[in-house]
Amino acid sequence: MTLRALAERTGLANGYLSEIERGLKTGSVKALHRIAAALDTRIDTLVD
């Protein structure tokens, strides 16, 4: 999935998602929940 598509599905900004992806930001619980839902997975699969 592209960053743009993920941004559209989550309602989060491309830049914010990019920062999370690159490890510059951890992402809020709310943001991680939206990402997990968009990817049809659980939050714990997104974090170490």
PDB file of N, CA and C in Angstrom:
ATOM      1  N   MET A   1       0.856  -1.165   0.000  1.00  0.00           N
ATOM      2  CA  MET A   1       0.000   0.000   0.000  1.00  0.00           C
ATOM      3  C   MET A   1       0.903   1.230   0.000  1.00  0.00           C
ATOM      4  N   THR A   2       0.518   2.210  -0.775  1.00  0.00           N
ATOM      5  CA  THR A   2       1.308   3.438  -0.810  1.00  0.00           C
ATOM      6  C   THR A   2       1.010   4.301   0.408  1.00  0.00           C
ATOM      7  N   LEU A   3       1.916   5.205   0.667  1.00  0.00           N
ATOM      8  CA  LEU A   3       1.729   6.143   1.773  1.00  0.00           C
ATOM      9  C   LEU A   3       0.485   6.986   1.539  1.00  0.00           C
ATOM     10  N   ARG A   4       0.285   7.391   0.304  1.00  0.00           N
ATOM     11  CA  ARG A   4      -0.900   8.197  -0.041  1.00  0.00           C
ATOM     12  C   ARG A   4      -2.188   7.427   0.233  1.00  0.00           C
ATOM     13  N   ALA A   5      -2.220   6.162  -0.153  1.00  0.00           N
ATOM     14  CA  ALA A   5      -3.413   5.342   0.078  1.00  0.00           C
ATOM     15  C   ALA A   5      -3.663   5.153   1.569  1.00  0.00           C
ATOM     16  N   LEU A   6      -2.598   4.925   2.318  1.00  0.00           N
ATOM     17  CA  LEU A   6      -2.745   4.775   3.766  1.00  0.00           C
ATOM     18  C   LEU A   6      -3.245   6.068   4.389  1.00  0.00           C
ATOM     19  N   ALA A   7      -2.734   7.189   3.929  1.00  0.00           N
ATOM     20  CA  ALA A   7      -3.189   8.487   4.434  1.00  0.00           C
ATOM     21  C   ALA A   7      -4.676   8.682   4.156  1.00  0.00           C
ATOM     22  N   GLU A   8      -5.110   8.302   2.975  1.00  0.00           N
ATOM     23  CA  GLU A   8      -6.533   8.428   2.626  1.00  0.00           C
ATOM     24  C   GLU A   8      -7.398   7.534   3.499  1.00  0.00           C
ATOM     25  N   ARG A   9      -6.942   6.315   3.751  1.00  0.00           N
ATOM     26  CA  ARG A   9      -7.723   5.377   4.572  1.00  0.00           C
ATOM     27  C   ARG A   9      -7.772   5.769   6.041  1.00  0.00           C
ATOM     28  N   THR A  10      -6.707   6.383   6.533  1.00  0.00           N
ATOM     29  CA  THR A  10      -6.637   6.706   7.960  1.00  0.00           C
ATOM     30  C   THR A  10      -7.061   8.126   8.289  1.00  0.00           C
ATOM     31  N   GLY A  11      -6.994   9.011   7.310  1.00  0.00           N
ATOM     32  CA  GLY A  11      -7.264  10.422   7.565  1.00  0.00           C
ATOM     33  C   GLY A  11      -6.078  11.128   8.205  1.00  0.00           C
ATOM     34  N   LEU A  12      -4.925  10.470   8.199  1.00  0.00           N
ATOM     35  CA  LEU A  12      -3.710  11.056   8.762  1.00  0.00           C
ATOM     36  C   LEU A  12      -2.879  11.669   7.638  1.00  0.00           C
ATOM     37  N   ALA A  13      -2.074  12.661   7.983  1.00  0.00           N
ATOM     38  CA  ALA A  13      -1.252  13.350   6.990  1.00  0.00           C
ATOM     39  C   ALA A  13      -0.115  12.464   6.495  1.00  0.00           C
ATOM     40  N   ASN A  14       0.217  12.606   5.220  1.00  0.00           N
ATOM     41  CA  ASN A  14       1.337  11.859   4.633  1.00  0.00           C
ATOM     42  C   ASN A  14       2.613  12.052   5.440  1.00  0.00           C
ATOM     43  N   GLY A  15       2.903  13.288   5.792  1.00  0.00           N
ATOM     44  CA  GLY A  15       4.125  13.598   6.524  1.00  0.00           C
ATOM     45  C   GLY A  15       4.176  12.915   7.873  1.00  0.00           C
ATOM     46  N   TYR A  16       3.056  12.902   8.570  1.00  0.00           N
ATOM     47  CA  TYR A  16       2.984  12.255   9.877  1.00  0.00           C
ATOM     48  C   TYR A  16       3.222  10.754   9.741  1.00  0.00           C
ATOM     49  N   LEU A  17       2.574  10.143   8.762  1.00  0.00           N
ATOM     50  CA  LEU A  17       2.763   8.715   8.532  1.00  0.00           C
ATOM     51  C   LEU A  17       4.206   8.401   8.158  1.00  0.00           C
ATOM     52  N   SER A  18       4.792   9.251   7.360  1.00  0.00           N
ATOM     53  CA  SER A  18       6.187   9.071   6.965  1.00  0.00           C
ATOM     54  C   SER A  18       7.112   9.136   8.169  1.00  0.00           C
ATOM     55  N   GLU A  19       6.859  10.065   9.079  1.00  0.00           N
ATOM     56  CA  GLU A  19       7.677  10.180  10.289  1.00  0.00           C
ATOM     57  C   GLU A  19       7.540   8.942  11.169  1.00  0.00           C
ATOM     58  N   ILE A  20       6.353   8.394  11.261  1.00  0.00           N
ATOM     59  CA  ILE A  20       6.150   7.161  12.026  1.00  0.00           C
ATOM     60  C   ILE A  20       6.911   6.018  11.349  1.00  0.00           C
ATOM     61  N   GLU A  21       6.783   5.921  10.043  1.00  0.00           N
ATOM     62  CA  GLU A  21       7.440   4.853   9.295  1.00  0.00           C
ATOM     63  C   GLU A  21       8.965   4.900   9.439  1.00  0.00           C
ATOM     64  N   ARG A  22       9.524   6.094   9.456  1.00  0.00           N
ATOM     65  CA  ARG A  22      10.971   6.253   9.558  1.00  0.00           C
ATOM     66  C   ARG A  22      11.475   6.235  10.991  1.00  0.00           C
ATOM     67  N   GLY A  23      10.563   6.111  11.974  1.00  0.00           N
ATOM     68  CA  GLY A  23      10.966   6.038  13.366  1.00  0.00           C
ATOM     69  C   GLY A  23      11.255   7.384  13.995  1.00  0.00           C
ATOM     70  N   LEU A  24      10.845   8.469  13.340  1.00  0.00           N
ATOM     71  CA  LEU A  24      11.067   9.804  13.885  1.00  0.00           C
ATOM     72  C   LEU A  24      10.014  10.167  14.921  1.00  0.00           C
ATOM     73  N   LYS A  25       8.851   9.555  14.814  1.00  0.00           N
ATOM     74  CA  LYS A  25       7.767   9.725  15.791  1.00  0.00           C
ATOM     75  C   LYS A  25       7.220   8.351  16.116  1.00  0.00           C
ATOM     76  N   THR A  26       6.733   8.213  17.336  1.00  0.00           N
ATOM     77  CA  THR A  26       6.164   6.923  17.735  1.00  0.00           C
ATOM     78  C   THR A  26       4.723   6.771  17.278  1.00  0.00           C
ATOM     79  N   GLY A  27       4.023   7.852  17.128  1.00  0.00           N
ATOM     80  CA  GLY A  27       2.612   7.792  16.749  1.00  0.00           C
ATOM     81  C   GLY A  27       1.741   7.621  17.968  1.00  0.00           C
ATOM     82  N   SER A  28       0.674   8.345  18.002  1.00  0.00           N
ATOM     83  CA  SER A  28      -0.261   8.248  19.120  1.00  0.00           C
ATOM     84  C   SER A  28      -1.012   6.919  19.053  1.00  0.00           C
ATOM     85  N   VAL A  29      -1.608   6.543  20.150  1.00  0.00           N
ATOM     86  CA  VAL A  29      -2.402   5.314  20.178  1.00  0.00           C
ATOM     87  C   VAL A  29      -3.547   5.423  19.179  1.00  0.00           C
ATOM     88  N   LYS A  30      -4.150   6.581  19.106  1.00  0.00           N
ATOM     89  CA  LYS A  30      -5.257   6.796  18.169  1.00  0.00           C
ATOM     90  C   LYS A  30      -4.772   6.616  16.726  1.00  0.00           C
ATOM     91  N   ALA A  31      -3.620   7.185  16.409  1.00  0.00           N
ATOM     92  CA  ALA A  31      -3.068   7.056  15.058  1.00  0.00           C
ATOM     93  C   ALA A  31      -2.737   5.597  14.750  1.00  0.00           C
ATOM     94  N   LEU A  32      -2.114   4.917  15.696  1.00  0.00           N
ATOM     95  CA  LEU A  32      -1.765   3.505  15.482  1.00  0.00           C
ATOM     96  C   LEU A  32      -3.018   2.650  15.313  1.00  0.00           C
ATOM     97  N   HIS A  33      -4.059   2.981  16.040  1.00  0.00           N
ATOM     98  CA  HIS A  33      -5.328   2.264  15.886  1.00  0.00           C
ATOM     99  C   HIS A  33      -5.875   2.456  14.473  1.00  0.00           C
ATOM    100  N   ARG A  34      -5.818   3.675  13.960  1.00  0.00           N
ATOM    101  CA  ARG A  34      -6.311   3.951  12.603  1.00  0.00           C
ATOM    102  C   ARG A  34      -5.481   3.214  11.557  1.00  0.00           C
ATOM    103  N   ILE A  35      -4.171   3.199  11.759  1.00  0.00           N
ATOM    104  CA  ILE A  35      -3.278   2.507  10.825  1.00  0.00           C
ATOM    105  C   ILE A  35      -3.559   1.009  10.842  1.00  0.00           C
ATOM    106  N   ALA A  36      -3.668   0.449  12.039  1.00  0.00           N
ATOM    107  CA  ALA A  36      -3.945  -0.986  12.168  1.00  0.00           C
ATOM    108  C   ALA A  36      -5.268  -1.342  11.498  1.00  0.00           C
ATOM    109  N   ALA A  37      -6.288  -0.532  11.708  1.00  0.00           N
ATOM    110  CA  ALA A  37      -7.586  -0.793  11.089  1.00  0.00           C
ATOM    111  C   ALA A  37      -7.485  -0.741   9.565  1.00  0.00           C
ATOM    112  N   ALA A  38      -6.750   0.232   9.051  1.00  0.00           N
ATOM    113  CA  ALA A  38      -6.591   0.373   7.599  1.00  0.00           C
ATOM    114  C   ALA A  38      -5.846  -0.807   7.004  1.00  0.00           C
ATOM    115  N   LEU A  39      -4.940  -1.384   7.785  1.00  0.00           N
ATOM    116  CA  LEU A  39      -4.150  -2.522   7.318  1.00  0.00           C
ATOM    117  C   LEU A  39      -4.771  -3.863   7.713  1.00  0.00           C
ATOM    118  N   ASP A  40      -5.944  -3.807   8.360  1.00  0.00           N
ATOM    119  CA  ASP A  40      -6.664  -4.996   8.810  1.00  0.00           C
ATOM    120  C   ASP A  40      -5.784  -5.881   9.696  1.00  0.00           C
ATOM    121  N   THR A  41      -5.198  -5.236  10.698  1.00  0.00           N
ATOM    122  CA  THR A  41      -4.341  -5.950  11.647  1.00  0.00           C
ATOM    123  C   THR A  41      -4.530  -5.346  13.042  1.00  0.00           C
ATOM    124  N   ARG A  42      -3.741  -5.825  13.988  1.00  0.00           N
ATOM    125  CA  ARG A  42      -3.819  -5.324  15.366  1.00  0.00           C
ATOM    126  C   ARG A  42      -2.660  -4.372  15.634  1.00  0.00           C
ATOM    127  N   ILE A  43      -2.845  -3.481  16.588  1.00  0.00           N
ATOM    128  CA  ILE A  43      -1.806  -2.503  16.930  1.00  0.00           C
ATOM    129  C   ILE A  43      -0.515  -3.193  17.343  1.00  0.00           C
ATOM    130  N   ASP A  44      -0.613  -4.279  18.078  1.00  0.00           N
ATOM    131  CA  ASP A  44       0.615  -4.921  18.574  1.00  0.00           C
ATOM    132  C   ASP A  44       1.493  -5.468  17.444  1.00  0.00           C
ATOM    133  N   THR A  45       0.957  -5.638  16.255  1.00  0.00           N
ATOM    134  CA  THR A  45       1.795  -6.061  15.130  1.00  0.00           C
ATOM    135  C   THR A  45       2.580  -4.885  14.542  1.00  0.00           C
ATOM    136  N   LEU A  46       2.193  -3.676  14.907  1.00  0.00           N
ATOM    137  CA  LEU A  46       2.854  -2.479  14.376  1.00  0.00           C
ATOM    138  C   LEU A  46       4.004  -2.003  15.244  1.00  0.00           C
ATOM    139  N   VAL A  47       4.015  -2.397  16.497  1.00  0.00           N
ATOM    140  CA  VAL A  47       5.045  -1.904  17.418  1.00  0.00           C
ATOM    141  C   VAL A  47       5.886  -3.064  17.940  1.00  0.00           C
ATOM    142  N   ASP A  48       7.113  -2.751  18.281  1.00  0.00           N
ATOM    143  CA  ASP A  48       8.025  -3.770  18.833  1.00  0.00           C
ATOM    144  C   ASP A  48       7.744  -4.020  20.282  1.00  0.00           C
TER     145      ASP A  48
END
